[in-house]
Amino acid sequence: MSVREHVQWITGSEYGEARRRLISAGLPDDAPEFHELRRRVAERNDYLLERFGRPLAREHPGKWVAISMDGEVIMGDRQVEVLKLANERFGPGNASIRRLGPVPGQEVFHWCPSTRF
């Protein structure tokens, strides 16, 4: 992936607003508009992991991380703790939540599954 320092990433509130509009319009979950919306979030999350999470993976395998759009990192042993702190500090949906390791772990627990799975 190329380095994108000036990309305007989608925020959690923008995602929520767009999702509500699509639902109100009666579009099914598998509509192309939903796929595009999820793709934008997954692209953001993948970038944040590559840029800020990969350097931590060797030293902290198995830890859960939340990475904000500014590159701020919250790390912990339990997914629920990291998610709670990330929502408090960054706002809901404004961080990539992953488990560090050779293959980035992510459970489907939030509003955007990764495109890698």
PDB file of N, CA and C in Angstrom:
ATOM      1  N   MET A   1       0.855  -1.175   0.000  1.00  0.00           N
ATOM      2  CA  MET A   1       0.000   0.000   0.000  1.00  0.00           C
ATOM      3  C   MET A   1       0.895   1.230   0.000  1.00  0.00           C
ATOM      4  N   SER A   2       0.547   2.206  -0.767  1.00  0.00           N
ATOM      5  CA  SER A   2       1.340   3.431  -0.795  1.00  0.00           C
ATOM      6  C   SER A   2       1.092   4.255   0.467  1.00  0.00           C
ATOM      7  N   VAL A   3       2.060   5.093   0.769  1.00  0.00           N
ATOM      8  CA  VAL A   3       1.931   5.957   1.947  1.00  0.00           C
ATOM      9  C   VAL A   3       0.960   7.082   1.603  1.00  0.00           C
ATOM     10  N   ARG A   4      -0.027   7.266   2.457  1.00  0.00           N
ATOM     11  CA  ARG A   4      -1.050   8.286   2.218  1.00  0.00           C
ATOM     12  C   ARG A   4      -1.142   9.156   3.454  1.00  0.00           C
ATOM     13  N   GLU A   5      -0.326  10.153   3.517  1.00  0.00           N
ATOM     14  CA  GLU A   5      -0.308  11.005   4.695  1.00  0.00           C
ATOM     15  C   GLU A   5      -1.435  12.032   4.702  1.00  0.00           C
ATOM     16  N   HIS A   6      -1.998  12.341   3.548  1.00  0.00           N
ATOM     17  CA  HIS A   6      -2.975  13.423   3.467  1.00  0.00           C
ATOM     18  C   HIS A   6      -4.379  12.934   3.123  1.00  0.00           C
ATOM     19  N   VAL A   7      -4.639  11.671   3.340  1.00  0.00           N
ATOM     20  CA  VAL A   7      -5.958  11.120   3.057  1.00  0.00           C
ATOM     21  C   VAL A   7      -6.926  11.557   4.151  1.00  0.00           C
ATOM     22  N   GLN A   8      -8.107  11.934   3.746  1.00  0.00           N
ATOM     23  CA  GLN A   8      -9.166  12.262   4.709  1.00  0.00           C
ATOM     24  C   GLN A   8      -9.930  10.969   4.969  1.00  0.00           C
ATOM     25  N   TRP A   9      -9.562  10.259   6.043  1.00  0.00           N
ATOM     26  CA  TRP A   9     -10.190   8.990   6.365  1.00  0.00           C
ATOM     27  C   TRP A   9     -11.604   9.208   6.892  1.00  0.00           C
ATOM     28  N   ILE A  10     -12.450   8.230   6.663  1.00  0.00           N
ATOM     29  CA  ILE A  10     -13.816   8.278   7.162  1.00  0.00           C
ATOM     30  C   ILE A  10     -13.801   8.148   8.686  1.00  0.00           C
ATOM     31  N   THR A  11     -14.606   8.945   9.334  1.00  0.00           N
ATOM     32  CA  THR A  11     -14.700   8.901  10.801  1.00  0.00           C
ATOM     33  C   THR A  11     -15.854   7.980  11.203  1.00  0.00           C
ATOM     34  N   GLY A  12     -15.897   7.660  12.479  1.00  0.00           N
ATOM     35  CA  GLY A  12     -16.985   6.840  12.991  1.00  0.00           C
ATOM     36  C   GLY A  12     -18.338   7.498  12.803  1.00  0.00           C
ATOM     37  N   SER A  13     -18.412   8.804  13.043  1.00  0.00           N
ATOM     38  CA  SER A  13     -19.700   9.484  12.889  1.00  0.00           C
ATOM     39  C   SER A  13     -20.105   9.587  11.418  1.00  0.00           C
ATOM     40  N   GLU A  14     -19.147   9.776  10.524  1.00  0.00           N
ATOM     41  CA  GLU A  14     -19.467   9.805   9.089  1.00  0.00           C
ATOM     42  C   GLU A  14     -19.979   8.441   8.626  1.00  0.00           C
ATOM     43  N   TYR A  15     -19.328   7.394   9.119  1.00  0.00           N
ATOM     44  CA  TYR A  15     -19.786   6.044   8.796  1.00  0.00           C
ATOM     45  C   TYR A  15     -21.222   5.843   9.284  1.00  0.00           C
ATOM     46  N   GLY A  16     -21.482   6.215  10.536  1.00  0.00           N
ATOM     47  CA  GLY A  16     -22.813   6.044  11.110  1.00  0.00           C
ATOM     48  C   GLY A  16     -23.874   6.803  10.335  1.00  0.00           C
ATOM     49  N   GLU A  17     -23.572   8.046   9.967  1.00  0.00           N
ATOM     50  CA  GLU A  17     -24.533   8.857   9.201  1.00  0.00           C
ATOM     51  C   GLU A  17     -24.809   8.232   7.841  1.00  0.00           C
ATOM     52  N   ALA A  18     -23.749   7.822   7.138  1.00  0.00           N
ATOM     53  CA  ALA A  18     -23.918   7.220   5.816  1.00  0.00           C
ATOM     54  C   ALA A  18     -24.699   5.908   5.913  1.00  0.00           C
ATOM     55  N   ARG A  19     -24.403   5.117   6.915  1.00  0.00           N
ATOM     56  CA  ARG A  19     -25.096   3.848   7.115  1.00  0.00           C
ATOM     57  C   ARG A  19     -26.582   4.078   7.376  1.00  0.00           C
ATOM     58  N   ARG A  20     -26.904   5.052   8.227  1.00  0.00           N
ATOM     59  CA  ARG A  20     -28.314   5.365   8.502  1.00  0.00           C
ATOM     60  C   ARG A  20     -29.038   5.831   7.234  1.00  0.00           C
ATOM     61  N   ARG A  21     -28.362   6.628   6.405  1.00  0.00           N
ATOM     62  CA  ARG A  21     -28.982   7.077   5.138  1.00  0.00           C
ATOM     63  C   ARG A  21     -29.292   5.888   4.229  1.00  0.00           C
ATOM     64  N   LEU A  22     -28.354   4.952   4.138  1.00  0.00           N
ATOM     65  CA  LEU A  22     -28.558   3.787   3.271  1.00  0.00           C
ATOM     66  C   LEU A  22     -29.693   2.910   3.803  1.00  0.00           C
ATOM     67  N   ILE A  23     -29.735   2.743   5.104  1.00  0.00           N
ATOM     68  CA  ILE A  23     -30.815   1.956   5.704  1.00  0.00           C
ATOM     69  C   ILE A  23     -32.157   2.641   5.474  1.00  0.00           C
ATOM     70  N   SER A  24     -32.205   3.962   5.681  1.00  0.00           N
ATOM     71  CA  SER A  24     -33.444   4.725   5.468  1.00  0.00           C
ATOM     72  C   SER A  24     -33.908   4.653   4.017  1.00  0.00           C
ATOM     73  N   ALA A  25     -32.947   4.554   3.106  1.00  0.00           N
ATOM     74  CA  ALA A  25     -33.293   4.453   1.685  1.00  0.00           C
ATOM     75  C   ALA A  25     -33.772   3.054   1.318  1.00  0.00           C
ATOM     76  N   GLY A  26     -33.698   2.128   2.275  1.00  0.00           N
ATOM     77  CA  GLY A  26     -34.196   0.785   2.029  1.00  0.00           C
ATOM     78  C   GLY A  26     -33.228  -0.129   1.306  1.00  0.00           C
ATOM     79  N   LEU A  27     -31.960   0.231   1.276  1.00  0.00           N
ATOM     80  CA  LEU A  27     -30.988  -0.607   0.576  1.00  0.00           C
ATOM     81  C   LEU A  27     -30.638  -1.840   1.400  1.00  0.00           C
ATOM     82  N   PRO A  28     -30.495  -2.991   0.745  1.00  0.00           N
ATOM     83  CA  PRO A  28     -30.112  -4.210   1.474  1.00  0.00           C
ATOM     84  C   PRO A  28     -28.636  -4.157   1.875  1.00  0.00           C
ATOM     85  N   ASP A  29     -28.283  -4.957   2.878  1.00  0.00           N
ATOM     86  CA  ASP A  29     -26.903  -4.972   3.380  1.00  0.00           C
ATOM     87  C   ASP A  29     -25.874  -5.317   2.317  1.00  0.00           C
ATOM     88  N   ASP A  30     -26.269  -6.054   1.287  1.00  0.00           N
ATOM     89  CA  ASP A  30     -25.313  -6.448   0.258  1.00  0.00           C
ATOM     90  C   ASP A  30     -25.305  -5.492  -0.946  1.00  0.00           C
ATOM     91  N   ALA A  31     -25.933  -4.336  -0.797  1.00  0.00           N
ATOM     92  CA  ALA A  31     -25.946  -3.336  -1.874  1.00  0.00           C
ATOM     93  C   ALA A  31     -24.533  -2.798  -2.094  1.00  0.00           C
ATOM     94  N   PRO A  32     -24.205  -2.413  -3.314  1.00  0.00           N
ATOM     95  CA  PRO A  32     -22.876  -1.877  -3.611  1.00  0.00           C
ATOM     96  C   PRO A  32     -22.506  -0.668  -2.738  1.00  0.00           C
ATOM     97  N   GLU A  33     -23.487   0.128  -2.372  1.00  0.00           N
ATOM     98  CA  GLU A  33     -23.213   1.296  -1.536  1.00  0.00           C
ATOM     99  C   GLU A  33     -22.715   0.894  -0.143  1.00  0.00           C
ATOM    100  N   PHE A  34     -23.281  -0.193   0.398  1.00  0.00           N
ATOM    101  CA  PHE A  34     -22.807  -0.703   1.685  1.00  0.00           C
ATOM    102  C   PHE A  34     -21.398  -1.270   1.548  1.00  0.00           C
ATOM    103  N   HIS A  35     -21.162  -1.991   0.462  1.00  0.00           N
ATOM    104  CA  HIS A  35     -19.821  -2.546   0.228  1.00  0.00           C
ATOM    105  C   HIS A  35     -18.786  -1.438   0.139  1.00  0.00           C
ATOM    106  N   GLU A  36     -19.115  -0.371  -0.547  1.00  0.00           N
ATOM    107  CA  GLU A  36     -18.189   0.758  -0.680  1.00  0.00           C
ATOM    108  C   GLU A  36     -17.935   1.428   0.668  1.00  0.00           C
ATOM    109  N   LEU A  37     -18.968   1.584   1.453  1.00  0.00           N
ATOM    110  CA  LEU A  37     -18.820   2.191   2.777  1.00  0.00           C
ATOM    111  C   LEU A  37     -17.906   1.340   3.664  1.00  0.00           C
ATOM    112  N   ARG A  38     -18.146   0.035   3.676  1.00  0.00           N
ATOM    113  CA  ARG A  38     -17.295  -0.864   4.474  1.00  0.00           C
ATOM    114  C   ARG A  38     -15.869  -0.906   3.930  1.00  0.00           C
ATOM    115  N   ARG A  39     -15.711  -0.806   2.621  1.00  0.00           N
ATOM    116  CA  ARG A  39     -14.382  -0.798   2.015  1.00  0.00           C
ATOM    117  C   ARG A  39     -13.582   0.409   2.491  1.00  0.00           C
ATOM    118  N   ARG A  40     -14.233   1.557   2.573  1.00  0.00           N
ATOM    119  CA  ARG A  40     -13.540   2.773   3.026  1.00  0.00           C
ATOM    120  C   ARG A  40     -13.015   2.625   4.451  1.00  0.00           C
ATOM    121  N   VAL A  41     -13.826   2.030   5.317  1.00  0.00           N
ATOM    122  CA  VAL A  41     -13.394   1.829   6.705  1.00  0.00           C
ATOM    123  C   VAL A  41     -12.281   0.778   6.763  1.00  0.00           C
ATOM    124  N   ALA A  42     -12.435  -0.301   6.022  1.00  0.00           N
ATOM    125  CA  ALA A  42     -11.413  -1.351   6.019  1.00  0.00           C
ATOM    126  C   ALA A  42     -10.081  -0.819   5.479  1.00  0.00           C
ATOM    127  N   GLU A  43     -10.131   0.013   4.452  1.00  0.00           N
ATOM    128  CA  GLU A  43      -8.911   0.610   3.903  1.00  0.00           C
ATOM    129  C   GLU A  43      -8.225   1.479   4.961  1.00  0.00           C
ATOM    130  N   ARG A  44      -9.001   2.260   5.671  1.00  0.00           N
ATOM    131  CA  ARG A  44      -8.462   3.088   6.751  1.00  0.00           C
ATOM    132  C   ARG A  44      -7.822   2.211   7.824  1.00  0.00           C
ATOM    133  N   ASN A  45      -8.545   1.188   8.257  1.00  0.00           N
ATOM    134  CA  ASN A  45      -8.046   0.316   9.314  1.00  0.00           C
ATOM    135  C   ASN A  45      -6.792  -0.437   8.895  1.00  0.00           C
ATOM    136  N   ASP A  46      -6.757  -0.913   7.667  1.00  0.00           N
ATOM    137  CA  ASP A  46      -5.571  -1.618   7.173  1.00  0.00           C
ATOM    138  C   ASP A  46      -4.366  -0.682   7.118  1.00  0.00           C
ATOM    139  N   TYR A  47      -4.588   0.544   6.668  1.00  0.00           N
ATOM    140  CA  TYR A  47      -3.499   1.525   6.626  1.00  0.00           C
ATOM    141  C   TYR A  47      -2.958   1.793   8.039  1.00  0.00           C
ATOM    142  N   LEU A  48      -3.853   2.020   8.987  1.00  0.00           N
ATOM    143  CA  LEU A  48      -3.419   2.314  10.359  1.00  0.00           C
ATOM    144  C   LEU A  48      -2.618   1.149  10.940  1.00  0.00           C
ATOM    145  N   LEU A  49      -3.053  -0.072  10.666  1.00  0.00           N
ATOM    146  CA  LEU A  49      -2.322  -1.237  11.155  1.00  0.00           C
ATOM    147  C   LEU A  49      -0.929  -1.298  10.537  1.00  0.00           C
ATOM    148  N   GLU A  50      -0.854  -1.136   9.227  1.00  0.00           N
ATOM    149  CA  GLU A  50       0.445  -1.199   8.547  1.00  0.00           C
ATOM    150  C   GLU A  50       1.378  -0.088   9.022  1.00  0.00           C
ATOM    151  N   ARG A  51       0.864   1.098   9.133  1.00  0.00           N
ATOM    152  CA  ARG A  51       1.684   2.277   9.460  1.00  0.00           C
ATOM    153  C   ARG A  51       2.114   2.308  10.922  1.00  0.00           C
ATOM    154  N   PHE A  52       1.204   1.990  11.826  1.00  0.00           N
ATOM    155  CA  PHE A  52       1.481   2.172  13.252  1.00  0.00           C
ATOM    156  C   PHE A  52       1.503   0.869  14.054  1.00  0.00           C
ATOM    157  N   GLY A  53       0.806  -0.168  13.589  1.00  0.00           N
ATOM    158  CA  GLY A  53       0.717  -1.405  14.348  1.00  0.00           C
ATOM    159  C   GLY A  53       1.819  -2.406  14.064  1.00  0.00           C
ATOM    160  N   ARG A  54       2.213  -2.528  12.803  1.00  0.00           N
ATOM    161  CA  ARG A  54       3.232  -3.513  12.442  1.00  0.00           C
ATOM    162  C   ARG A  54       4.522  -3.355  13.246  1.00  0.00           C
ATOM    163  N   PRO A  55       5.018  -2.138  13.453  1.00  0.00           N
ATOM    164  CA  PRO A  55       6.254  -2.002  14.240  1.00  0.00           C
ATOM    165  C   PRO A  55       6.122  -2.533  15.667  1.00  0.00           C
ATOM    166  N   LEU A  56       4.913  -2.607  16.193  1.00  0.00           N
ATOM    167  CA  LEU A  56       4.689  -3.079  17.563  1.00  0.00           C
ATOM    168  C   LEU A  56       4.525  -4.600  17.640  1.00  0.00           C
ATOM    169  N   ALA A  57       4.229  -5.242  16.525  1.00  0.00           N
ATOM    170  CA  ALA A  57       3.869  -6.661  16.532  1.00  0.00           C
ATOM    171  C   ALA A  57       4.976  -7.565  17.052  1.00  0.00           C
ATOM    172  N   ARG A  58       6.223  -7.274  16.737  1.00  0.00           N
ATOM    173  CA  ARG A  58       7.325  -8.133  17.192  1.00  0.00           C
ATOM    174  C   ARG A  58       7.526  -8.066  18.703  1.00  0.00           C
ATOM    175  N   GLU A  59       7.395  -6.882  19.237  1.00  0.00           N
ATOM    176  CA  GLU A  59       7.627  -6.696  20.674  1.00  0.00           C
ATOM    177  C   GLU A  59       6.413  -7.057  21.529  1.00  0.00           C
ATOM    178  N   HIS A  60       5.231  -7.016  20.935  1.00  0.00           N
ATOM    179  CA  HIS A  60       4.003  -7.215  21.713  1.00  0.00           C
ATOM    180  C   HIS A  60       3.045  -8.204  21.042  1.00  0.00           C
ATOM    181  N   PRO A  61       3.520  -9.396  20.645  1.00  0.00           N
ATOM    182  CA  PRO A  61       2.610 -10.339  19.970  1.00  0.00           C
ATOM    183  C   PRO A  61       1.472 -10.749  20.893  1.00  0.00           C
ATOM    184  N   GLY A  62       0.297 -10.817  20.297  1.00  0.00           N
ATOM    185  CA  GLY A  62      -0.881 -11.227  21.054  1.00  0.00           C
ATOM    186  C   GLY A  62      -1.612 -10.108  21.769  1.00  0.00           C
ATOM    187  N   LYS A  63      -1.004  -8.930  21.846  1.00  0.00           N
ATOM    188  CA  LYS A  63      -1.663  -7.791  22.495  1.00  0.00           C
ATOM    189  C   LYS A  63      -2.724  -7.219  21.554  1.00  0.00           C
ATOM    190  N   TRP A  64      -3.749  -6.650  22.151  1.00  0.00           N
ATOM    191  CA  TRP A  64      -4.769  -5.935  21.387  1.00  0.00           C
ATOM    192  C   TRP A  64      -4.366  -4.470  21.309  1.00  0.00           C
ATOM    193  N   VAL A  65      -4.578  -3.855  20.134  1.00  0.00           N
ATOM    194  CA  VAL A  65      -4.273  -2.442  19.967  1.00  0.00           C
ATOM    195  C   VAL A  65      -5.461  -1.708  19.367  1.00  0.00           C
ATOM    196  N   ALA A  66      -5.577  -0.459  19.747  1.00  0.00           N
ATOM    197  CA  ALA A  66      -6.488   0.479  19.106  1.00  0.00           C
ATOM    198  C   ALA A  66      -5.588   1.575  18.559  1.00  0.00           C
ATOM    199  N   ILE A  67      -5.717   1.859  17.278  1.00  0.00           N
ATOM    200  CA  ILE A  67      -4.877   2.868  16.636  1.00  0.00           C
ATOM    201  C   ILE A  67      -5.790   3.961  16.091  1.00  0.00           C
ATOM    202  N   SER A  68      -5.585   5.173  16.601  1.00  0.00           N
ATOM    203  CA  SER A  68      -6.416   6.300  16.150  1.00  0.00           C
ATOM    204  C   SER A  68      -5.969   6.759  14.770  1.00  0.00           C
ATOM    205  N   MET A  69      -6.760   7.613  14.164  1.00  0.00           N
ATOM    206  CA  MET A  69      -6.413   8.152  12.850  1.00  0.00           C
ATOM    207  C   MET A  69      -5.187   9.057  12.904  1.00  0.00           C
ATOM    208  N   ASP A  70      -4.807   9.494  14.107  1.00  0.00           N
ATOM    209  CA  ASP A  70      -3.595  10.295  14.289  1.00  0.00           C
ATOM    210  C   ASP A  70      -2.397   9.432  14.666  1.00  0.00           C
ATOM    211  N   GLY A  71      -2.586   8.123  14.756  1.00  0.00           N
ATOM    212  CA  GLY A  71      -1.501   7.218  15.087  1.00  0.00           C
ATOM    213  C   GLY A  71      -1.304   6.972  16.564  1.00  0.00           C
ATOM    214  N   GLU A  72      -2.188   7.495  17.405  1.00  0.00           N
ATOM    215  CA  GLU A  72      -2.092   7.235  18.839  1.00  0.00           C
ATOM    216  C   GLU A  72      -2.509   5.793  19.096  1.00  0.00           C
ATOM    217  N   VAL A  73      -1.770   5.106  19.969  1.00  0.00           N
ATOM    218  CA  VAL A  73      -1.987   3.683  20.203  1.00  0.00           C
ATOM    219  C   VAL A  73      -2.376   3.427  21.652  1.00  0.00           C
ATOM    220  N   ILE A  74      -3.385   2.593  21.820  1.00  0.00           N
ATOM    221  CA  ILE A  74      -3.767   2.054  23.118  1.00  0.00           C
ATOM    222  C   ILE A  74      -3.520   0.551  23.004  1.00  0.00           C
ATOM    223  N   MET A  75      -2.843  -0.037  24.003  1.00  0.00           N
ATOM    224  CA  MET A  75      -2.529  -1.448  23.954  1.00  0.00           C
ATOM    225  C   MET A  75      -2.994  -2.137  25.233  1.00  0.00           C
ATOM    226  N   GLY A  76      -3.445  -3.378  25.102  1.00  0.00           N
ATOM    227  CA  GLY A  76      -3.885  -4.126  26.268  1.00  0.00           C
ATOM    228  C   GLY A  76      -3.979  -5.605  25.981  1.00  0.00           C
ATOM    229  N   ASP A  77      -4.271  -6.361  27.023  1.00  0.00           N
ATOM    230  CA  ASP A  77      -4.374  -7.812  26.913  1.00  0.00           C
ATOM    231  C   ASP A  77      -5.755  -8.285  26.483  1.00  0.00           C
ATOM    232  N   ARG A  78      -6.764  -7.466  26.770  1.00  0.00           N
ATOM    233  CA  ARG A  78      -8.135  -7.870  26.480  1.00  0.00           C
ATOM    234  C   ARG A  78      -8.781  -6.914  25.486  1.00  0.00           C
ATOM    235  N   GLN A  79      -9.432  -7.505  24.518  1.00  0.00           N
ATOM    236  CA  GLN A  79     -10.088  -6.730  23.470  1.00  0.00           C
ATOM    237  C   GLN A  79     -11.092  -5.740  24.048  1.00  0.00           C
ATOM    238  N   VAL A  80     -11.900  -6.179  24.992  1.00  0.00           N
ATOM    239  CA  VAL A  80     -12.956  -5.336  25.537  1.00  0.00           C
ATOM    240  C   VAL A  80     -12.374  -4.106  26.241  1.00  0.00           C
ATOM    241  N   GLU A  81     -11.258  -4.276  26.933  1.00  0.00           N
ATOM    242  CA  GLU A  81     -10.621  -3.134  27.609  1.00  0.00           C
ATOM    243  C   GLU A  81     -10.115  -2.116  26.602  1.00  0.00           C
ATOM    244  N   VAL A  82      -9.455  -2.608  25.556  1.00  0.00           N
ATOM    245  CA  VAL A  82      -8.909  -1.723  24.527  1.00  0.00           C
ATOM    246  C   VAL A  82     -10.038  -0.991  23.804  1.00  0.00           C
ATOM    247  N   LEU A  83     -11.105  -1.707  23.477  1.00  0.00           N
ATOM    248  CA  LEU A  83     -12.247  -1.092  22.795  1.00  0.00           C
ATOM    249  C   LEU A  83     -12.877  -0.001  23.651  1.00  0.00           C
ATOM    250  N   LYS A  84     -13.051  -0.274  24.940  1.00  0.00           N
ATOM    251  CA  LYS A  84     -13.648   0.714  25.843  1.00  0.00           C
ATOM    252  C   LYS A  84     -12.786   1.976  25.926  1.00  0.00           C
ATOM    253  N   LEU A  85     -11.485   1.797  26.118  1.00  0.00           N
ATOM    254  CA  LEU A  85     -10.585   2.957  26.194  1.00  0.00           C
ATOM    255  C   LEU A  85     -10.552   3.733  24.874  1.00  0.00           C
ATOM    256  N   ALA A  86     -10.554   3.004  23.762  1.00  0.00           N
ATOM    257  CA  ALA A  86     -10.535   3.663  22.446  1.00  0.00           C
ATOM    258  C   ALA A  86     -11.802   4.486  22.231  1.00  0.00           C
ATOM    259  N   ASN A  87     -12.952   3.940  22.587  1.00  0.00           N
ATOM    260  CA  ASN A  87     -14.199   4.691  22.433  1.00  0.00           C
ATOM    261  C   ASN A  87     -14.198   5.941  23.299  1.00  0.00           C
ATOM    262  N   GLU A  88     -13.664   5.832  24.506  1.00  0.00           N
ATOM    263  CA  GLU A  88     -13.598   6.988  25.402  1.00  0.00           C
ATOM    264  C   GLU A  88     -12.624   8.043  24.887  1.00  0.00           C
ATOM    265  N   ARG A  89     -11.457   7.614  24.437  1.00  0.00           N
ATOM    266  CA  ARG A  89     -10.409   8.563  24.040  1.00  0.00           C
ATOM    267  C   ARG A  89     -10.580   9.099  22.616  1.00  0.00           C
ATOM    268  N   PHE A  90     -10.953   8.233  21.672  1.00  0.00           N
ATOM    269  CA  PHE A  90     -11.007   8.631  20.261  1.00  0.00           C
ATOM    270  C   PHE A  90     -12.424   8.839  19.743  1.00  0.00           C
ATOM    271  N   GLY A  91     -13.408   8.327  20.452  1.00  0.00           N
ATOM    272  CA  GLY A  91     -14.783   8.357  19.970  1.00  0.00           C
ATOM    273  C   GLY A  91     -15.116   7.053  19.267  1.00  0.00           C
ATOM    274  N   PRO A  92     -16.379   6.634  19.320  1.00  0.00           N
ATOM    275  CA  PRO A  92     -16.787   5.364  18.700  1.00  0.00           C
ATOM    276  C   PRO A  92     -16.471   5.323  17.208  1.00  0.00           C
ATOM    277  N   GLY A  93     -15.851   4.232  16.792  1.00  0.00           N
ATOM    278  CA  GLY A  93     -15.573   4.027  15.372  1.00  0.00           C
ATOM    279  C   GLY A  93     -14.394   4.796  14.826  1.00  0.00           C
ATOM    280  N   ASN A  94     -13.619   5.443  15.671  1.00  0.00           N
ATOM    281  CA  ASN A  94     -12.508   6.268  15.195  1.00  0.00           C
ATOM    282  C   ASN A  94     -11.145   5.630  15.417  1.00  0.00           C
ATOM    283  N   ALA A  95     -11.102   4.297  15.477  1.00  0.00           N
ATOM    284  CA  ALA A  95      -9.835   3.599  15.644  1.00  0.00           C
ATOM    285  C   ALA A  95      -9.917   2.230  14.995  1.00  0.00           C
ATOM    286  N   SER A  96      -8.755   1.723  14.607  1.00  0.00           N
ATOM    287  CA  SER A  96      -8.636   0.353  14.137  1.00  0.00           C
ATOM    288  C   SER A  96      -8.311  -0.509  15.353  1.00  0.00           C
ATOM    289  N   ILE A  97      -9.123  -1.509  15.609  1.00  0.00           N
ATOM    290  CA  ILE A  97      -8.927  -2.399  16.751  1.00  0.00           C
ATOM    291  C   ILE A  97      -8.479  -3.750  16.196  1.00  0.00           C
ATOM    292  N   ARG A  98      -7.280  -4.161  16.564  1.00  0.00           N
ATOM    293  CA  ARG A  98      -6.726  -5.418  16.057  1.00  0.00           C
ATOM    294  C   ARG A  98      -5.890  -6.106  17.120  1.00  0.00           C
ATOM    295  N   ARG A  99      -5.648  -7.377  16.905  1.00  0.00           N
ATOM    296  CA  ARG A  99      -4.731  -8.133  17.741  1.00  0.00           C
ATOM    297  C   ARG A  99      -3.426  -8.266  16.978  1.00  0.00           C
ATOM    298  N   LEU A 100      -2.332  -7.954  17.645  1.00  0.00           N
ATOM    299  CA  LEU A 100      -1.026  -7.991  17.002  1.00  0.00           C
ATOM    300  C   LEU A 100      -0.524  -9.421  16.849  1.00  0.00           C
ATOM    301  N   GLY A 101       0.093  -9.672  15.726  1.00  0.00           N
ATOM    302  CA  GLY A 101       0.671 -10.977  15.454  1.00  0.00           C
ATOM    303  C   GLY A 101       1.072 -11.065  14.002  1.00  0.00           C
ATOM    304  N   PRO A 102       1.588 -12.214  13.589  1.00  0.00           N
ATOM    305  CA  PRO A 102       2.009 -12.376  12.195  1.00  0.00           C
ATOM    306  C   PRO A 102       0.866 -12.133  11.219  1.00  0.00           C
ATOM    307  N   VAL A 103      -0.326 -12.596  11.602  1.00  0.00           N
ATOM    308  CA  VAL A 103      -1.539 -12.312  10.834  1.00  0.00           C
ATOM    309  C   VAL A 103      -2.412 -11.493  11.768  1.00  0.00           C
ATOM    310  N   PRO A 104      -2.787 -10.275  11.359  1.00  0.00           N
ATOM    311  CA  PRO A 104      -3.551  -9.416  12.271  1.00  0.00           C
ATOM    312  C   PRO A 104      -4.882 -10.042  12.637  1.00  0.00           C
ATOM    313  N   GLY A 105      -5.113 -10.199  13.914  1.00  0.00           N
ATOM    314  CA  GLY A 105      -6.363 -10.792  14.368  1.00  0.00           C
ATOM    315  C   GLY A 105      -7.433  -9.745  14.542  1.00  0.00           C
ATOM    316  N   GLN A 106      -8.628 -10.098  14.197  1.00  0.00           N
ATOM    317  CA  GLN A 106      -9.754  -9.197  14.414  1.00  0.00           C
ATOM    318  C   GLN A 106     -10.994 -10.047  14.530  1.00  0.00           C
ATOM    319  N   GLU A 107     -11.689  -9.893  15.597  1.00  0.00           N
ATOM    320  CA  GLU A 107     -12.961 -10.573  15.748  1.00  0.00           C
ATOM    321  C   GLU A 107     -14.048  -9.636  15.250  1.00  0.00           C
ATOM    322  N   VAL A 108     -15.103 -10.201  14.735  1.00  0.00           N
ATOM    323  CA  VAL A 108     -16.205  -9.370  14.276  1.00  0.00           C
ATOM    324  C   VAL A 108     -16.990  -8.952  15.516  1.00  0.00           C
ATOM    325  N   PHE A 109     -16.641  -7.785  16.023  1.00  0.00           N
ATOM    326  CA  PHE A 109     -17.232  -7.290  17.258  1.00  0.00           C
ATOM    327  C   PHE A 109     -17.731  -5.879  17.102  1.00  0.00           C
ATOM    328  N   HIS A 110     -17.389  -5.270  16.000  1.00  0.00           N
ATOM    329  CA  HIS A 110     -17.665  -3.863  15.833  1.00  0.00           C
ATOM    330  C   HIS A 110     -18.316  -3.658  14.477  1.00  0.00           C
ATOM    331  N   TRP A 111     -18.421  -2.469  14.057  1.00  0.00           N
ATOM    332  CA  TRP A 111     -19.183  -2.150  12.863  1.00  0.00           C
ATOM    333  C   TRP A 111     -18.457  -2.370  11.558  1.00  0.00           C
ATOM    334  N   CYS A 112     -17.195  -2.791  11.553  1.00  0.00           N
ATOM    335  CA  CYS A 112     -16.537  -2.958  10.269  1.00  0.00           C
ATOM    336  C   CYS A 112     -15.562  -4.122  10.266  1.00  0.00           C
ATOM    337  N   PRO A 113     -15.923  -5.247   9.665  1.00  0.00           N
ATOM    338  CA  PRO A 113     -14.956  -6.321   9.524  1.00  0.00           C
ATOM    339  C   PRO A 113     -13.896  -5.951   8.503  1.00  0.00           C
ATOM    340  N   SER A 114     -12.717  -6.482   8.655  1.00  0.00           N
ATOM    341  CA  SER A 114     -11.628  -6.220   7.718  1.00  0.00           C
ATOM    342  C   SER A 114     -11.907  -6.877   6.391  1.00  0.00           C
ATOM    343  N   THR A 115     -11.341  -6.320   5.332  1.00  0.00           N
ATOM    344  CA  THR A 115     -11.479  -6.922   4.010  1.00  0.00           C
ATOM    345  C   THR A 115     -10.576  -8.133   3.883  1.00  0.00           C
ATOM    346  N   ARG A 116      -9.683  -8.358   4.819  1.00  0.00           N
ATOM    347  CA  ARG A 116      -8.757  -9.488   4.728  1.00  0.00           C
ATOM    348  C   ARG A 116      -9.418 -10.811   5.074  1.00  0.00           C
ATOM    349  N   PHE A 117     -10.601 -10.813   5.640  1.00  0.00           N
ATOM    350  CA  PHE A 117     -11.225 -12.061   6.082  1.00  0.00           C
ATOM    351  C   PHE A 117     -12.467 -12.349   5.292  1.00  0.00           C
TER     352      PHE A 117
END
